[in-house]
Protein backbone atom coordinates (compact mmCIF):
# COMPACT_ATOMS: atom_id res chain seq x y z
CA UNK A 1 -19.68 -2.71 28.64
CA UNK A 2 -23.36 -2.89 28.08
CA UNK A 3 -25.55 -5.58 26.14
CA UNK A 4 -23.66 -7.90 23.86
CA UNK A 5 -23.88 -7.80 20.05
CA UNK A 6 -23.39 -11.64 19.67
CA UNK A 7 -25.92 -14.39 19.50
CA UNK A 8 -26.40 -16.08 23.06
CA UNK A 9 -25.65 -19.18 21.11
CA UNK A 10 -22.17 -18.20 20.39
CA UNK A 11 -19.99 -17.92 23.47
CA UNK A 12 -16.81 -16.16 23.52
CA UNK A 13 -13.77 -17.79 24.41
CA UNK A 14 -13.76 -15.58 27.72
CA UNK A 15 -17.76 -16.23 28.38
CA UNK A 16 -16.84 -20.23 27.97
CA UNK A 17 -14.33 -19.61 30.74
CA UNK A 18 -16.31 -17.81 32.96
CA UNK A 19 -19.05 -20.55 32.92
CA UNK A 20 -16.71 -23.19 33.30
CA UNK A 21 -15.41 -21.51 36.29
CA UNK A 22 -18.85 -20.77 37.78
CA UNK A 23 -19.83 -24.57 37.61
CA UNK A 24 -16.37 -25.85 38.87
CA UNK A 25 -16.70 -23.28 41.89
CA UNK A 26 -20.09 -24.29 42.51
CA UNK A 27 -19.52 -28.15 42.36
CA UNK A 28 -17.64 -28.52 45.73
CA UNK A 29 -15.68 -26.91 48.26
CA UNK A 30 -11.93 -26.35 48.03
CA UNK A 31 -9.84 -27.48 50.01
CA UNK A 32 -6.82 -25.05 50.99
CA UNK A 33 -4.26 -27.41 48.97
CA UNK A 34 -5.84 -26.67 45.89
CA UNK A 35 -6.04 -22.86 46.66
CA UNK A 36 -3.63 -20.52 44.59
CA UNK A 37 0.29 -20.53 45.62
CA UNK A 38 1.55 -16.86 45.47
CA UNK A 39 4.49 -16.03 44.17
CA UNK A 40 7.60 -14.92 45.56
CA UNK A 41 7.12 -11.20 44.20
CA UNK A 42 3.31 -11.04 45.36
CA UNK A 43 2.74 -8.63 47.94
CA UNK A 44 2.74 -9.68 51.16
CA UNK A 45 0.27 -8.72 54.06
CA UNK A 46 0.03 -9.62 57.67
CA UNK A 47 -3.00 -9.81 59.06
CA UNK A 48 -2.60 -8.85 63.13
CA UNK A 49 -4.59 -7.79 66.31
CA UNK A 50 -3.39 -6.13 69.72
CA UNK A 51 -3.08 -9.86 70.40
CA UNK A 52 -0.86 -10.84 67.88
CA UNK A 53 -0.70 -12.26 64.43
CA UNK A 54 -3.91 -14.56 63.12
CA UNK A 55 -2.47 -14.83 59.36
CA UNK A 56 -1.25 -13.63 56.15
CA UNK A 57 -2.18 -12.67 52.58
CA UNK A 58 -0.63 -11.91 49.47
CA UNK A 59 -1.76 -10.05 46.51
CA UNK A 60 -0.55 -10.47 42.71
CA UNK A 61 -1.39 -10.32 39.15
CA UNK A 62 -2.11 -13.55 37.41
CA UNK A 63 -0.42 -14.08 33.65
CA UNK A 64 -3.84 -12.64 32.37
CA UNK A 65 -3.71 -9.46 34.58
CA UNK A 66 -6.28 -11.08 36.48
CA UNK A 67 -6.08 -9.77 40.14
CA UNK A 68 -5.61 -12.72 42.57
CA UNK A 69 -5.58 -12.62 46.50
CA UNK A 70 -4.77 -15.65 48.64
CA UNK A 71 -5.24 -15.40 52.68
CA UNK A 72 -4.66 -17.82 55.56
CA UNK A 73 -6.02 -16.84 58.76
CA UNK A 74 -6.58 -18.67 62.41
CA UNK A 75 -8.52 -16.39 64.57
CA UNK A 76 -9.12 -18.20 67.88
CA UNK A 77 -9.65 -21.18 66.34
CA UNK A 78 -12.08 -19.83 63.53
CA UNK A 79 -9.96 -21.04 60.26
CA UNK A 80 -9.94 -19.14 56.73
CA UNK A 81 -8.24 -20.69 53.79
CA UNK A 82 -9.48 -18.79 51.25
CA UNK A 83 -8.56 -17.05 47.54
CA UNK A 84 -10.34 -14.98 45.01
CA UNK A 85 -9.21 -14.16 41.39
CA UNK A 86 -11.06 -10.89 39.84
CA UNK A 87 -10.98 -10.57 36.15
CA UNK A 88 -11.57 -7.66 34.36
CA UNK A 89 -13.37 -6.44 31.37
CA UNK A 90 -12.73 -3.63 28.90
CA UNK A 91 -13.94 -0.91 30.64
CA UNK A 92 -12.05 -1.96 33.93
CA UNK A 93 -14.97 -3.47 35.57
CA UNK A 94 -14.92 -6.96 36.84
CA UNK A 95 -16.70 -9.54 34.56
CA UNK A 96 -15.66 -12.24 36.51
CA UNK A 97 -14.87 -13.22 40.12
CA UNK A 98 -14.29 -16.81 41.73
CA UNK A 99 -14.07 -17.11 45.72
CA UNK A 100 -13.09 -20.39 46.84
CA UNK A 101 -12.23 -22.51 50.14
CA UNK A 102 -13.39 -22.41 53.67
CA UNK A 103 -14.63 -19.86 56.29
CA UNK A 104 -15.88 -20.81 59.90
CA UNK A 105 -19.35 -20.92 58.15
CA UNK A 106 -18.38 -23.79 55.66
CA UNK A 107 -17.76 -23.07 51.84
CA UNK A 108 -16.81 -19.95 50.68
CA UNK A 109 -17.56 -20.49 47.29
CA UNK A 110 -18.95 -17.26 45.34
CA UNK A 111 -19.05 -16.47 41.65
CA UNK A 112 -19.54 -13.34 39.69
CA UNK A 113 -19.92 -13.64 35.73
CA UNK A 114 -20.70 -11.09 32.74
CA UNK A 115 -21.89 -13.29 30.17
CA UNK A 116 -23.54 -11.46 27.03
CA UNK A 117 -24.64 -8.66 28.89
CA UNK A 118 -26.36 -10.41 31.60
CA UNK A 119 -24.19 -10.08 35.18
CA UNK A 120 -25.04 -13.21 37.48
CA UNK A 121 -23.78 -14.22 41.11
CA UNK A 122 -24.28 -16.64 43.21
CA UNK A 123 -22.78 -16.54 46.91
CA UNK A 124 -23.26 -18.36 50.41
CA UNK A 125 -26.63 -15.91 50.54
CA UNK A 126 -27.99 -15.09 47.28
CA UNK A 127 -27.89 -15.55 44.06
CA UNK A 128 -29.44 -13.37 41.26
CA UNK A 129 -28.94 -11.78 37.66
CA UNK A 130 -29.53 -8.66 36.09
CA UNK A 131 -28.68 -6.56 32.94
CA UNK A 132 -25.69 -5.58 32.98
CA UNK A 133 -25.24 -1.48 32.66
CA UNK A 134 -21.45 -1.45 32.52
CA UNK A 135 -20.70 1.07 35.26
CA UNK A 136 -21.93 -1.24 38.33
CA UNK A 137 -19.39 -3.19 40.31
CA UNK A 138 -20.31 -6.34 41.93
CA UNK A 139 -19.66 -6.17 46.01
CA UNK A 140 -18.68 -9.62 46.90
CA UNK A 141 -20.56 -11.16 49.97
CA UNK A 142 -17.39 -12.91 51.38
CA UNK A 143 -13.95 -13.55 50.24
CA UNK A 144 -10.36 -12.16 51.32
CA UNK A 145 -10.04 -9.07 53.32
CA UNK A 146 -7.34 -8.44 50.96
CA UNK A 147 -9.32 -8.47 47.89
CA UNK A 148 -11.04 -5.44 49.22
CA UNK A 149 -7.59 -3.90 47.75
CA UNK A 150 -9.32 -3.97 43.98
CA UNK A 151 -12.66 -1.94 44.99
CA UNK A 152 -11.00 0.77 47.17
CA UNK A 153 -8.53 1.27 44.15
CA UNK A 154 -11.19 1.24 41.50
CA UNK A 155 -13.20 3.95 44.07
CA UNK A 156 -10.48 5.95 44.17
CA UNK A 157 -10.20 6.46 40.56
CA UNK A 158 -13.74 6.76 40.02
CA UNK A 159 -15.72 10.33 39.26
CA UNK A 160 -16.47 11.98 42.38
CA UNK A 161 -15.12 8.96 44.34
CA UNK A 162 -17.83 6.94 44.24
CA UNK A 163 -19.14 4.23 42.34
CA UNK A 164 -22.39 2.34 41.96
CA UNK A 165 -22.48 -1.62 42.84
CA UNK A 166 -24.05 -4.62 42.07
CA UNK A 167 -26.43 -6.22 43.73
CA UNK A 168 -27.42 -2.69 44.63
CA UNK A 169 -26.22 0.41 46.04
CA UNK A 170 -23.39 2.94 45.83
CA UNK A 171 -19.94 2.84 47.54
CA UNK A 172 -18.21 6.12 47.98
CA UNK A 173 -15.04 7.09 49.85
CA UNK A 174 -14.63 10.44 51.85
CA UNK A 175 -10.76 11.34 53.30
CA UNK A 176 -10.63 10.63 57.50
CA UNK A 177 -7.41 11.29 58.50
CA UNK A 178 -3.62 11.43 57.43
CA UNK A 179 -1.10 8.93 59.34
CA UNK A 180 2.71 9.42 59.21
CA UNK A 181 3.93 5.63 59.35
CA UNK A 182 7.12 3.76 59.67
CA UNK A 183 10.56 5.09 59.88
CA UNK A 184 13.96 5.89 58.56
CA UNK A 185 13.88 3.90 55.20
CA UNK A 186 10.11 3.11 55.50
CA UNK A 187 8.87 6.23 56.30
CA UNK A 188 5.85 8.02 54.75
CA UNK A 189 2.50 9.38 55.21
CA UNK A 190 -0.62 7.16 54.60
CA UNK A 191 -3.99 8.37 54.18
CA UNK A 192 -7.55 6.82 56.08
CA UNK A 193 -10.14 7.16 54.10
CA UNK A 194 -14.12 5.57 55.14
CA UNK A 195 -15.83 3.73 52.47
CA UNK A 196 -19.57 4.86 52.43
CA UNK A 197 -22.85 2.99 51.76
CA UNK A 198 -21.63 -0.40 52.52
CA UNK A 199 -22.30 -0.48 56.20
CA UNK A 200 -24.13 0.66 58.91
CA UNK A 201 -20.99 2.60 59.51
CA UNK A 202 -18.35 4.01 57.79
CA UNK A 203 -15.73 1.05 56.91
CA UNK A 204 -12.19 3.03 57.56
CA UNK A 205 -9.33 1.67 54.78
CA UNK A 206 -5.88 2.88 54.29
CA UNK A 207 -4.51 4.14 51.37
CA UNK A 208 -1.36 5.37 50.15
CA UNK A 209 -0.57 8.95 48.56
CA UNK A 210 -1.03 7.60 45.28
CA UNK A 211 -3.95 6.24 45.38
CA UNK A 212 -3.13 2.82 46.02
CA UNK A 213 -4.43 0.07 48.46
CA UNK A 214 -1.57 0.45 51.95
CA UNK A 215 -4.15 -1.69 54.40
CA UNK A 216 -7.42 -1.69 56.56
CA UNK A 217 -7.36 -1.47 60.48
CA UNK A 218 -10.12 -2.29 62.83
CA UNK A 219 -9.67 -4.88 65.75
CA UNK A 220 -8.20 -6.96 63.10
CA UNK A 221 -5.62 -5.28 60.95
CA UNK A 222 -4.17 -6.16 57.23
CA UNK A 223 -1.04 -4.33 57.10
CA UNK A 224 2.09 -4.86 54.97
CA UNK A 225 4.90 -6.77 57.14
CA UNK A 226 7.04 -3.90 57.39
CA UNK A 227 4.22 -1.91 59.13
CA UNK A 228 2.11 -4.41 61.47
CA UNK A 229 4.00 -2.39 64.21
CA UNK A 230 1.48 0.79 63.40
CA UNK A 231 -1.76 -0.79 63.61
CA UNK A 232 -2.19 0.72 67.33
CA UNK A 233 -1.17 4.05 65.81
CA UNK A 234 -3.36 4.22 62.88
CA UNK A 235 -6.22 2.65 64.93
CA UNK A 236 -6.17 5.28 67.30
CA UNK A 237 -5.98 7.95 64.43
CA UNK A 238 -9.13 6.69 63.12
CA UNK A 239 -10.89 6.44 66.43
CA UNK A 240 -10.07 10.03 67.27
CA UNK A 241 -10.96 11.17 63.94
CA UNK A 242 -14.23 9.37 63.60
CA UNK A 243 -15.23 10.67 67.13
CA UNK A 244 -14.94 14.16 65.48
CA UNK A 245 -17.68 13.46 63.40
CA UNK A 246 -19.88 11.86 65.25
CA UNK A 247 -21.83 14.84 66.62
CA UNK A 248 -22.69 15.60 62.78
CA UNK A 249 -23.93 12.17 62.66
CA UNK A 250 -25.91 12.81 65.89
CA UNK A 251 -27.47 15.64 64.18
CA UNK A 252 -28.87 13.46 61.89
CA UNK A 253 -30.13 10.47 64.24
CA UNK A 254 -31.52 9.66 67.24
CA UNK A 255 -33.22 12.99 67.93
CA UNK A 256 -36.47 12.18 70.15
CA UNK A 257 -39.66 13.95 68.86
CA UNK A 258 -40.69 17.16 70.67
CA UNK A 259 -44.55 16.28 69.45
CA UNK A 260 -46.32 13.06 69.58
CA UNK A 261 -46.01 10.52 66.94
CA UNK A 262 -49.08 8.45 66.03
CA UNK A 263 -48.62 5.49 63.57
CA UNK A 264 -52.07 5.38 62.29
CA UNK A 265 -53.71 2.11 60.39
CA UNK A 266 -51.03 -0.46 60.76
CA UNK A 267 -50.71 -3.68 61.47
CA UNK A 268 -49.39 -4.55 64.80
CA UNK A 269 -47.41 -7.64 66.07
CA UNK A 270 -48.66 -8.57 69.60
CA UNK A 271 -45.64 -10.42 71.15
CA UNK A 272 -48.01 -11.68 74.06
CA UNK A 273 -50.42 -13.28 72.06
CA UNK A 274 -47.96 -14.12 69.05
CA UNK A 275 -50.31 -12.69 66.81
CA UNK A 276 -50.79 -9.81 64.22
CA UNK A 277 -53.62 -7.38 64.69
CA UNK A 278 -55.12 -5.43 61.68
CA UNK A 279 -55.74 -1.88 61.74
CA UNK A 280 -54.02 -0.06 64.89
CA UNK A 281 -52.88 3.17 65.55
CA UNK A 282 -49.94 3.60 68.56
CA UNK A 283 -49.09 6.86 69.52
CA UNK A 284 -45.95 7.33 71.28
CA UNK A 285 -44.83 10.84 73.41
CA UNK A 286 -41.59 11.63 74.71
CA UNK A 287 -40.28 8.19 74.20
CA UNK A 288 -42.61 5.93 75.90
CA UNK A 289 -45.82 4.29 74.37
CA UNK A 290 -49.19 6.17 75.76
CA UNK A 291 -51.91 4.65 73.66
CA UNK A 292 -52.46 1.53 71.67
CA UNK A 293 -55.94 0.09 69.90
CA UNK A 294 -58.18 0.14 67.42
CA UNK A 295 -57.85 2.51 64.72
CA UNK A 296 -60.95 3.61 65.03
CA UNK A 297 -61.15 4.47 68.71
CA UNK A 298 -57.79 5.69 69.80
CA UNK A 299 -57.63 9.58 70.17
CA UNK A 300 -54.54 11.11 68.00
CA UNK A 301 -53.27 14.18 69.72
CA UNK A 302 -53.96 17.73 67.55
CA UNK A 303 -50.37 18.43 67.44
CA UNK A 304 -49.15 14.69 66.61
CA UNK A 305 -46.88 14.09 64.19
CA UNK A 306 -48.87 11.74 61.78
CA UNK A 307 -47.59 8.39 59.88
CA UNK A 308 -49.94 6.23 57.73
CA UNK A 309 -49.40 3.09 58.34
CA UNK A 310 -51.41 1.43 55.95
CA UNK A 311 -50.01 -1.55 54.24
CA UNK A 312 -47.03 -1.27 56.71
CA UNK A 313 -46.64 -3.94 59.62
CA UNK A 314 -45.51 -1.93 63.38
CA UNK A 315 -43.44 -4.02 65.77
CA UNK A 316 -42.21 -3.36 69.27
CA UNK A 317 -38.66 -2.48 70.13
CA UNK A 318 -36.64 -5.19 68.33
CA UNK A 319 -33.94 -6.64 70.55
CA UNK A 320 -30.43 -7.84 68.99
CA UNK A 321 -29.04 -10.39 71.41
CA UNK A 322 -25.60 -10.17 70.25
CA UNK A 323 -23.65 -7.40 68.89
CA UNK A 324 -20.43 -6.54 67.98
CA UNK A 325 -20.60 -2.70 68.27
CA UNK A 326 -17.99 -0.98 66.27
CA UNK A 327 -18.47 2.86 67.25
CA UNK A 328 -21.07 4.87 68.97
CA UNK A 329 -22.14 5.64 65.56
CA UNK A 330 -23.39 2.43 65.17
CA UNK A 331 -25.91 2.82 67.53
CA UNK A 332 -27.44 5.77 66.08
CA UNK A 333 -27.79 4.45 63.07
CA UNK A 334 -29.44 1.16 64.16
CA UNK A 335 -31.49 3.41 66.26
CA UNK A 336 -32.83 5.45 63.10
CA UNK A 337 -34.01 2.12 61.58
CA UNK A 338 -36.00 1.14 64.23
CA UNK A 339 -33.77 -1.06 66.49
CA UNK A 340 -34.21 0.07 70.00
CA UNK A 341 -31.95 -2.04 72.41
């Protein structure tokens, strides 16, 4: 890892291949007929929900050791036909990632490559580059569900079960609950872990006892073919275990201040007149706004908690008109970020 000692003018074969992949993946949407075809010995998964089967996925290694995924899903008429290839460098971290295919939003194309010590990425929502530190792992925006197998296995092996991410953040794993699955020859115990730091709430992922990826269960599940019948069992175990953890999270989020709170010298967005107003003070008490006006004229209660709003903008309650709520915890976390409805 780290900055390459080679001149940028003389690209290695690997760097040249990365550049070619970046160019080809970005040039046009790849139809499903041109996506990777899994070999017979690939690890097979089914994508299921309580309503039935929605698709399938396969994971295998290419001849050069790259991690390959092919996934196909029809979710109530929404079509996903995608593949992903993850190539690793000498430090075990991905140095090339290519996602191809289609999803309901259109082209799935996403690329990541480390060339001469510079990490560059381009996804359907962003692009960027940064000097590669030899430690951070690129977190894709899209791609197949099954490609998360590589990411979580890497986190499991990392010191403290946590790993820095690109473009930013830190992902870590916390043990949630053990669940017995299968029967007879397929009987075993798997462990649900939660991925922390990548979403507004913990993301459950199911791992084998040896630290390898077993599957993923939410409203939609990705499970080995022999264990699709265990979906509801794993789902219930996750829900019960997460609910048991929620009181501790509630202690951190969503408390109503016992004293008035004054936001002083803020820029205020007036939703009625659709304009911004400078140097305002807003006082809230027991969950209600009790005073709004010019900072020079609004009286701040002597016992108030004062938040200096200079250089900041204060908005009325933000309403999200469409939300899939994963759990009660998600609501608490959104509230802590200022989303009140």
